[in-house]
PDB file of N, CA and C in Angstrom:
ATOM      1  N   UNK A   1      35.781 -20.348   4.112  1.00  0.00           N
ATOM      2  CA  UNK A   1      34.785 -21.150   3.410  1.00  0.00           C
ATOM      3  C   UNK A   1      34.179 -22.058   4.796  1.00  0.00           C
ATOM      4  N   UNK A   2      32.927 -21.994   4.867  1.00  0.00           N
ATOM      5  CA  UNK A   2      32.026 -22.521   5.800  1.00  0.00           C
ATOM      6  C   UNK A   2      31.966 -24.002   5.556  1.00  0.00           C
ATOM      7  N   UNK A   3      32.482 -24.948   6.461  1.00  0.00           N
ATOM      8  CA  UNK A   3      32.390 -26.410   6.210  1.00  0.00           C
ATOM      9  C   UNK A   3      31.461 -27.023   7.273  1.00  0.00           C
ATOM     10  N   UNK A   4      30.357 -26.402   7.586  1.00  0.00           N
ATOM     11  CA  UNK A   4      29.503 -26.760   8.666  1.00  0.00           C
ATOM     12  C   UNK A   4      28.787 -28.050   8.264  1.00  0.00           C
ATOM     13  N   UNK A   5      28.672 -28.218   6.973  1.00  0.00           N
ATOM     14  CA  UNK A   5      27.986 -29.330   6.357  1.00  0.00           C
ATOM     15  C   UNK A   5      29.067 -30.412   5.906  1.00  0.00           C
ATOM     16  N   UNK A   6      30.226 -30.262   6.199  1.00  0.00           N
ATOM     17  CA  UNK A   6      31.256 -31.080   5.684  1.00  0.00           C
ATOM     18  C   UNK A   6      31.061 -32.566   5.871  1.00  0.00           C
ATOM     19  N   UNK A   7      30.534 -33.037   7.067  1.00  0.00           N
ATOM     20  CA  UNK A   7      30.312 -34.433   7.148  1.00  0.00           C
ATOM     21  C   UNK A   7      28.813 -34.896   6.992  1.00  0.00           C
ATOM     22  N   UNK A   8      28.078 -34.079   6.235  1.00  0.00           N
ATOM     23  CA  UNK A   8      26.665 -34.424   5.989  1.00  0.00           C
ATOM     24  C   UNK A   8      26.723 -35.688   5.087  1.00  0.00           C
ATOM     25  N   UNK A   9      25.666 -36.279   4.955  1.00  0.00           N
ATOM     26  CA  UNK A   9      25.501 -37.331   4.141  1.00  0.00           C
ATOM     27  C   UNK A   9      25.478 -37.019   2.662  1.00  0.00           C
ATOM     28  N   UNK A  10      26.184 -37.729   1.944  1.00  0.00           N
ATOM     29  CA  UNK A  10      26.199 -37.260   0.421  1.00  0.00           C
ATOM     30  C   UNK A  10      25.116 -37.667  -0.351  1.00  0.00           C
ATOM     31  N   UNK A  11      24.749 -36.827  -1.174  1.00  0.00           N
ATOM     32  CA  UNK A  11      23.622 -37.313  -2.127  1.00  0.00           C
ATOM     33  C   UNK A  11      24.162 -37.465  -3.600  1.00  0.00           C
ATOM     34  N   UNK A  12      23.919 -38.549  -4.093  1.00  0.00           N
ATOM     35  CA  UNK A  12      24.331 -38.667  -5.520  1.00  0.00           C
ATOM     36  C   UNK A  12      23.380 -38.442  -6.457  1.00  0.00           C
ATOM     37  N   UNK A  13      23.877 -37.603  -7.554  1.00  0.00           N
ATOM     38  CA  UNK A  13      23.114 -37.081  -8.668  1.00  0.00           C
ATOM     39  C   UNK A  13      23.865 -37.447  -9.882  1.00  0.00           C
ATOM     40  N   UNK A  14      23.108 -37.518 -11.171  1.00  0.00           N
ATOM     41  CA  UNK A  14      23.766 -37.777 -12.363  1.00  0.00           C
ATOM     42  C   UNK A  14      23.611 -36.545 -13.191  1.00  0.00           C
ATOM     43  N   UNK A  15      24.737 -36.295 -13.979  1.00  0.00           N
ATOM     44  CA  UNK A  15      24.722 -35.284 -14.911  1.00  0.00           C
ATOM     45  C   UNK A  15      24.015 -35.515 -16.012  1.00  0.00           C
ATOM     46  N   UNK A  16      23.086 -34.607 -16.567  1.00  0.00           N
ATOM     47  CA  UNK A  16      22.308 -34.881 -17.801  1.00  0.00           C
ATOM     48  C   UNK A  16      23.074 -34.847 -19.055  1.00  0.00           C
ATOM     49  N   UNK A  17      22.479 -35.253 -20.183  1.00  0.00           N
ATOM     50  CA  UNK A  17      23.164 -34.942 -21.486  1.00  0.00           C
ATOM     51  C   UNK A  17      23.600 -33.633 -21.744  1.00  0.00           C
ATOM     52  N   UNK A  18      22.878 -32.598 -21.308  1.00  0.00           N
ATOM     53  CA  UNK A  18      23.270 -31.232 -21.460  1.00  0.00           C
ATOM     54  C   UNK A  18      24.177 -30.619 -20.476  1.00  0.00           C
ATOM     55  N   UNK A  19      24.719 -31.484 -19.428  1.00  0.00           N
ATOM     56  CA  UNK A  19      25.725 -31.103 -18.415  1.00  0.00           C
ATOM     57  C   UNK A  19      24.913 -30.583 -17.265  1.00  0.00           C
ATOM     58  N   UNK A  20      23.792 -30.764 -17.178  1.00  0.00           N
ATOM     59  CA  UNK A  20      23.107 -30.100 -15.967  1.00  0.00           C
ATOM     60  C   UNK A  20      22.888 -31.068 -14.701  1.00  0.00           C
ATOM     61  N   UNK A  21      22.805 -30.632 -13.515  1.00  0.00           N
ATOM     62  CA  UNK A  21      22.359 -31.339 -12.409  1.00  0.00           C
ATOM     63  C   UNK A  21      21.143 -30.846 -11.678  1.00  0.00           C
ATOM     64  N   UNK A  22      20.557 -31.689 -11.059  1.00  0.00           N
ATOM     65  CA  UNK A  22      19.454 -31.353 -10.411  1.00  0.00           C
ATOM     66  C   UNK A  22      19.680 -31.186  -8.684  1.00  0.00           C
ATOM     67  N   UNK A  23      19.603 -29.937  -8.092  1.00  0.00           N
ATOM     68  CA  UNK A  23      19.865 -29.778  -6.580  1.00  0.00           C
ATOM     69  C   UNK A  23      18.681 -30.361  -6.130  1.00  0.00           C
ATOM     70  N   UNK A  24      18.592 -31.261  -5.121  1.00  0.00           N
ATOM     71  CA  UNK A  24      17.345 -31.838  -4.641  1.00  0.00           C
ATOM     72  C   UNK A  24      16.636 -30.588  -3.663  1.00  0.00           C
ATOM     73  N   UNK A  25      15.368 -30.697  -3.827  1.00  0.00           N
ATOM     74  CA  UNK A  25      14.462 -29.537  -3.295  1.00  0.00           C
ATOM     75  C   UNK A  25      14.901 -29.210  -1.796  1.00  0.00           C
ATOM     76  N   UNK A  26      15.076 -30.387  -1.041  1.00  0.00           N
ATOM     77  CA  UNK A  26      15.468 -29.963   0.390  1.00  0.00           C
ATOM     78  C   UNK A  26      16.826 -29.206   0.582  1.00  0.00           C
ATOM     79  N   UNK A  27      17.655 -29.270  -0.389  1.00  0.00           N
ATOM     80  CA  UNK A  27      18.924 -28.460  -0.315  1.00  0.00           C
ATOM     81  C   UNK A  27      18.755 -26.945  -0.846  1.00  0.00           C
ATOM     82  N   UNK A  28      17.846 -27.021  -2.126  1.00  0.00           N
ATOM     83  CA  UNK A  28      17.450 -25.753  -2.593  1.00  0.00           C
ATOM     84  C   UNK A  28      16.893 -24.782  -1.406  1.00  0.00           C
ATOM     85  N   UNK A  29      15.842 -25.387  -0.583  1.00  0.00           N
ATOM     86  CA  UNK A  29      15.130 -24.666   0.339  1.00  0.00           C
ATOM     87  C   UNK A  29      16.048 -24.341   1.683  1.00  0.00           C
ATOM     88  N   UNK A  30      16.774 -25.369   1.816  1.00  0.00           N
ATOM     89  CA  UNK A  30      17.728 -25.028   3.082  1.00  0.00           C
ATOM     90  C   UNK A  30      18.789 -23.895   2.777  1.00  0.00           C
ATOM     91  N   UNK A  31      19.190 -23.719   1.506  1.00  0.00           N
ATOM     92  CA  UNK A  31      20.190 -22.667   1.009  1.00  0.00           C
ATOM     93  C   UNK A  31      19.804 -21.601   0.257  1.00  0.00           C
ATOM     94  N   UNK A  32      18.371 -21.519   0.152  1.00  0.00           N
ATOM     95  CA  UNK A  32      17.796 -20.537  -0.623  1.00  0.00           C
ATOM     96  C   UNK A  32      18.178 -20.230  -2.039  1.00  0.00           C
ATOM     97  N   UNK A  33      18.346 -21.602  -2.631  1.00  0.00           N
ATOM     98  CA  UNK A  33      18.859 -21.510  -4.051  1.00  0.00           C
ATOM     99  C   UNK A  33      17.484 -21.787  -4.916  1.00  0.00           C
ATOM    100  N   UNK A  34      16.556 -20.705  -5.106  1.00  0.00           N
ATOM    101  CA  UNK A  34      15.174 -20.663  -5.929  1.00  0.00           C
ATOM    102  C   UNK A  34      15.787 -20.321  -7.476  1.00  0.00           C
ATOM    103  N   UNK A  35      14.543 -20.378  -7.991  1.00  0.00           N
ATOM    104  CA  UNK A  35      14.499 -20.109  -9.592  1.00  0.00           C
ATOM    105  C   UNK A  35      15.229 -18.672  -9.769  1.00  0.00           C
ATOM    106  N   UNK A  36      16.141 -18.695 -10.746  1.00  0.00           N
ATOM    107  CA  UNK A  36      16.920 -17.368 -11.320  1.00  0.00           C
ATOM    108  C   UNK A  36      17.878 -17.030 -10.235  1.00  0.00           C
ATOM    109  N   UNK A  37      18.082 -17.745  -9.174  1.00  0.00           N
ATOM    110  CA  UNK A  37      19.279 -17.331  -8.204  1.00  0.00           C
ATOM    111  C   UNK A  37      20.708 -17.816  -8.887  1.00  0.00           C
ATOM    112  N   UNK A  38      21.552 -16.672  -9.102  1.00  0.00           N
ATOM    113  CA  UNK A  38      22.835 -17.097  -9.620  1.00  0.00           C
ATOM    114  C   UNK A  38      23.712 -17.734  -8.487  1.00  0.00           C
ATOM    115  N   UNK A  39      24.501 -18.611  -8.982  1.00  0.00           N
ATOM    116  CA  UNK A  39      25.421 -19.522  -8.162  1.00  0.00           C
ATOM    117  C   UNK A  39      26.823 -19.367  -8.807  1.00  0.00           C
ATOM    118  N   UNK A  40      27.980 -19.615  -7.891  1.00  0.00           N
ATOM    119  CA  UNK A  40      29.121 -19.674  -8.363  1.00  0.00           C
ATOM    120  C   UNK A  40      29.684 -20.960  -8.488  1.00  0.00           C
ATOM    121  N   UNK A  41      30.405 -21.536  -9.361  1.00  0.00           N
ATOM    122  CA  UNK A  41      31.003 -22.875  -9.404  1.00  0.00           C
ATOM    123  C   UNK A  41      32.533 -22.521  -9.022  1.00  0.00           C
ATOM    124  N   UNK A  42      32.908 -23.099  -8.032  1.00  0.00           N
ATOM    125  CA  UNK A  42      34.227 -22.777  -7.677  1.00  0.00           C
ATOM    126  C   UNK A  42      35.324 -24.069  -7.486  1.00  0.00           C
ATOM    127  N   UNK A  43      36.114 -24.165  -8.325  1.00  0.00           N
ATOM    128  CA  UNK A  43      36.995 -25.343  -8.358  1.00  0.00           C
ATOM    129  C   UNK A  43      37.712 -25.560  -7.118  1.00  0.00           C
ATOM    130  N   UNK A  44      37.629 -26.600  -6.497  1.00  0.00           N
ATOM    131  CA  UNK A  44      38.480 -26.731  -5.033  1.00  0.00           C
ATOM    132  C   UNK A  44      39.320 -27.975  -5.375  1.00  0.00           C
ATOM    133  N   UNK A  45      40.197 -28.309  -4.452  1.00  0.00           N
ATOM    134  CA  UNK A  45      41.098 -29.498  -4.532  1.00  0.00           C
ATOM    135  C   UNK A  45      40.411 -30.792  -4.847  1.00  0.00           C
ATOM    136  N   UNK A  46      39.282 -31.126  -4.299  1.00  0.00           N
ATOM    137  CA  UNK A  46      38.659 -32.428  -4.494  1.00  0.00           C
ATOM    138  C   UNK A  46      37.455 -32.481  -5.406  1.00  0.00           C
ATOM    139  N   UNK A  47      37.005 -31.183  -6.025  1.00  0.00           N
ATOM    140  CA  UNK A  47      35.667 -31.166  -6.633  1.00  0.00           C
ATOM    141  C   UNK A  47      35.474 -29.808  -6.899  1.00  0.00           C
ATOM    142  N   UNK A  48      34.048 -29.489  -6.856  1.00  0.00           N
ATOM    143  CA  UNK A  48      33.521 -28.162  -7.120  1.00  0.00           C
ATOM    144  C   UNK A  48      32.638 -27.678  -6.082  1.00  0.00           C
ATOM    145  N   UNK A  49      32.748 -26.606  -5.568  1.00  0.00           N
ATOM    146  CA  UNK A  49      31.911 -25.974  -4.557  1.00  0.00           C
ATOM    147  C   UNK A  49      30.886 -25.130  -5.287  1.00  0.00           C
ATOM    148  N   UNK A  50      29.648 -25.308  -4.919  1.00  0.00           N
ATOM    149  CA  UNK A  50      28.352 -24.468  -5.557  1.00  0.00           C
ATOM    150  C   UNK A  50      27.897 -23.738  -4.411  1.00  0.00           C
ATOM    151  N   UNK A  51      27.950 -22.323  -4.710  1.00  0.00           N
ATOM    152  CA  UNK A  51      27.490 -21.413  -3.597  1.00  0.00           C
ATOM    153  C   UNK A  51      26.643 -20.167  -4.277  1.00  0.00           C
ATOM    154  N   UNK A  52      25.781 -19.613  -3.427  1.00  0.00           N
ATOM    155  CA  UNK A  52      25.160 -18.517  -3.961  1.00  0.00           C
ATOM    156  C   UNK A  52      26.202 -17.356  -4.397  1.00  0.00           C
ATOM    157  N   UNK A  53      25.744 -16.676  -5.555  1.00  0.00           N
ATOM    158  CA  UNK A  53      26.681 -15.564  -6.049  1.00  0.00           C
ATOM    159  C   UNK A  53      26.545 -14.562  -5.114  1.00  0.00           C
ATOM    160  N   UNK A  54      27.422 -13.974  -4.667  1.00  0.00           N
ATOM    161  CA  UNK A  54      27.555 -12.900  -3.611  1.00  0.00           C
ATOM    162  C   UNK A  54      28.029 -11.534  -4.342  1.00  0.00           C
ATOM    163  N   UNK A  55      27.180 -11.040  -5.297  1.00  0.00           N
ATOM    164  CA  UNK A  55      27.771 -10.055  -6.047  1.00  0.00           C
ATOM    165  C   UNK A  55      27.571  -8.516  -5.311  1.00  0.00           C
ATOM    166  N   UNK A  56      28.691  -8.009  -5.132  1.00  0.00           N
ATOM    167  CA  UNK A  56      28.631  -6.752  -4.559  1.00  0.00           C
ATOM    168  C   UNK A  56      27.881  -5.802  -5.415  1.00  0.00           C
ATOM    169  N   UNK A  57      27.084  -4.965  -4.789  1.00  0.00           N
ATOM    170  CA  UNK A  57      26.264  -4.096  -5.421  1.00  0.00           C
ATOM    171  C   UNK A  57      27.083  -2.765  -6.106  1.00  0.00           C
ATOM    172  N   UNK A  58      26.697  -2.400  -7.170  1.00  0.00           N
ATOM    173  CA  UNK A  58      27.383  -1.435  -7.859  1.00  0.00           C
ATOM    174  C   UNK A  58      27.009  -0.111  -7.208  1.00  0.00           C
ATOM    175  N   UNK A  59      27.969   0.819  -7.019  1.00  0.00           N
ATOM    176  CA  UNK A  59      27.529   2.169  -6.434  1.00  0.00           C
ATOM    177  C   UNK A  59      26.463   2.781  -6.905  1.00  0.00           C
ATOM    178  N   UNK A  60      26.234   2.792  -8.266  1.00  0.00           N
ATOM    179  CA  UNK A  60      25.069   3.515  -8.939  1.00  0.00           C
ATOM    180  C   UNK A  60      23.737   2.816  -8.318  1.00  0.00           C
ATOM    181  N   UNK A  61      23.753   1.549  -8.068  1.00  0.00           N
ATOM    182  CA  UNK A  61      22.513   0.882  -7.587  1.00  0.00           C
ATOM    183  C   UNK A  61      22.144   1.539  -6.247  1.00  0.00           C
ATOM    184  N   UNK A  62      23.120   1.771  -5.443  1.00  0.00           N
ATOM    185  CA  UNK A  62      23.002   2.269  -4.165  1.00  0.00           C
ATOM    186  C   UNK A  62      22.106   3.665  -4.035  1.00  0.00           C
ATOM    187  N   UNK A  63      22.537   4.574  -5.152  1.00  0.00           N
ATOM    188  CA  UNK A  63      21.937   5.845  -5.246  1.00  0.00           C
ATOM    189  C   UNK A  63      20.742   6.037  -6.158  1.00  0.00           C
ATOM    190  N   UNK A  64      20.399   4.886  -6.872  1.00  0.00           N
ATOM    191  CA  UNK A  64      19.342   5.066  -7.779  1.00  0.00           C
ATOM    192  C   UNK A  64      18.084   5.237  -6.950  1.00  0.00           C
ATOM    193  N   UNK A  65      17.201   6.215  -7.435  1.00  0.00           N
ATOM    194  CA  UNK A  65      15.954   6.454  -6.868  1.00  0.00           C
ATOM    195  C   UNK A  65      15.997   7.454  -5.617  1.00  0.00           C
ATOM    196  N   UNK A  66      17.079   8.141  -5.465  1.00  0.00           N
ATOM    197  CA  UNK A  66      17.118   8.884  -4.286  1.00  0.00           C
ATOM    198  C   UNK A  66      16.334  10.092  -4.676  1.00  0.00           C
ATOM    199  N   UNK A  67      16.384  10.556  -5.926  1.00  0.00           N
ATOM    200  CA  UNK A  67      15.463  11.653  -6.299  1.00  0.00           C
ATOM    201  C   UNK A  67      14.052  11.300  -6.387  1.00  0.00           C
ATOM    202  N   UNK A  68      13.200  11.995  -5.743  1.00  0.00           N
ATOM    203  CA  UNK A  68      11.772  11.608  -5.605  1.00  0.00           C
ATOM    204  C   UNK A  68      11.114  11.927  -7.098  1.00  0.00           C
ATOM    205  N   UNK A  69      11.666  13.062  -7.725  1.00  0.00           N
ATOM    206  CA  UNK A  69      10.902  13.434  -8.949  1.00  0.00           C
ATOM    207  C   UNK A  69      11.879  13.812  -9.877  1.00  0.00           C
ATOM    208  N   UNK A  70      11.512  13.823 -11.096  1.00  0.00           N
ATOM    209  CA  UNK A  70      12.366  14.277 -12.372  1.00  0.00           C
ATOM    210  C   UNK A  70      12.589  15.745 -12.042  1.00  0.00           C
ATOM    211  N   UNK A  71      13.744  16.324 -12.391  1.00  0.00           N
ATOM    212  CA  UNK A  71      14.073  17.765 -12.196  1.00  0.00           C
ATOM    213  C   UNK A  71      14.953  18.162 -13.176  1.00  0.00           C
ATOM    214  N   UNK A  72      14.884  19.511 -13.650  1.00  0.00           N
ATOM    215  CA  UNK A  72      15.990  20.117 -14.383  1.00  0.00           C
ATOM    216  C   UNK A  72      16.689  20.923 -13.640  1.00  0.00           C
ATOM    217  N   UNK A  73      17.981  21.229 -13.999  1.00  0.00           N
ATOM    218  CA  UNK A  73      19.014  22.114 -13.270  1.00  0.00           C
ATOM    219  C   UNK A  73      18.325  23.461 -12.886  1.00  0.00           C
ATOM    220  N   UNK A  74      17.714  24.089 -13.939  1.00  0.00           N
ATOM    221  CA  UNK A  74      17.241  25.540 -13.664  1.00  0.00           C
ATOM    222  C   UNK A  74      16.102  25.439 -12.555  1.00  0.00           C
ATOM    223  N   UNK A  75      15.146  24.570 -12.568  1.00  0.00           N
ATOM    224  CA  UNK A  75      14.406  24.498 -11.606  1.00  0.00           C
ATOM    225  C   UNK A  75      14.910  24.184 -10.161  1.00  0.00           C
ATOM    226  N   UNK A  76      16.058  23.361 -10.176  1.00  0.00           N
ATOM    227  CA  UNK A  76      16.631  23.057  -8.850  1.00  0.00           C
ATOM    228  C   UNK A  76      17.249  24.451  -8.396  1.00  0.00           C
ATOM    229  N   UNK A  77      18.044  25.100  -9.281  1.00  0.00           N
ATOM    230  CA  UNK A  77      18.704  26.305  -8.916  1.00  0.00           C
ATOM    231  C   UNK A  77      17.760  27.285  -8.379  1.00  0.00           C
ATOM    232  N   UNK A  78      16.579  27.559  -8.835  1.00  0.00           N
ATOM    233  CA  UNK A  78      15.595  28.532  -8.457  1.00  0.00           C
ATOM    234  C   UNK A  78      15.020  27.948  -7.207  1.00  0.00           C
ATOM    235  N   UNK A  79      14.861  26.885  -6.947  1.00  0.00           N
ATOM    236  CA  UNK A  79      14.260  26.129  -5.674  1.00  0.00           C
ATOM    237  C   UNK A  79      15.291  26.577  -4.459  1.00  0.00           C
ATOM    238  N   UNK A  80      16.557  26.218  -4.960  1.00  0.00           N
ATOM    239  CA  UNK A  80      17.562  26.402  -3.776  1.00  0.00           C
ATOM    240  C   UNK A  80      17.757  27.825  -3.434  1.00  0.00           C
ATOM    241  N   UNK A  81      17.539  28.853  -4.497  1.00  0.00           N
ATOM    242  CA  UNK A  81      17.740  30.381  -4.277  1.00  0.00           C
ATOM    243  C   UNK A  81      16.486  30.993  -3.798  1.00  0.00           C
ATOM    244  N   UNK A  82      15.404  30.124  -3.526  1.00  0.00           N
ATOM    245  CA  UNK A  82      14.193  30.488  -2.934  1.00  0.00           C
ATOM    246  C   UNK A  82      13.341  31.442  -3.784  1.00  0.00           C
ATOM    247  N   UNK A  83      13.516  31.195  -5.206  1.00  0.00           N
ATOM    248  CA  UNK A  83      12.728  32.017  -6.121  1.00  0.00           C
ATOM    249  C   UNK A  83      11.434  31.330  -6.518  1.00  0.00           C
TER     250      UNK A  83
END
């Protein structure tokens, strides 16, 4: 866990009726917390740590789009055989 900002000045916020908090703009910009960015809430000894969600990419996401064009098996076999 990176505690680089451990001694930074605290910013007090109130929790809304719906259980929401507003992260100040300066902190959102500093840590890249923009609209629709997922965050993780991690319970720690003295409170809650909020950090960007670091989702590992699914293996399918890594190969998606490798093929340039739609193809069927027969056409592929003919192409490989040189017909």
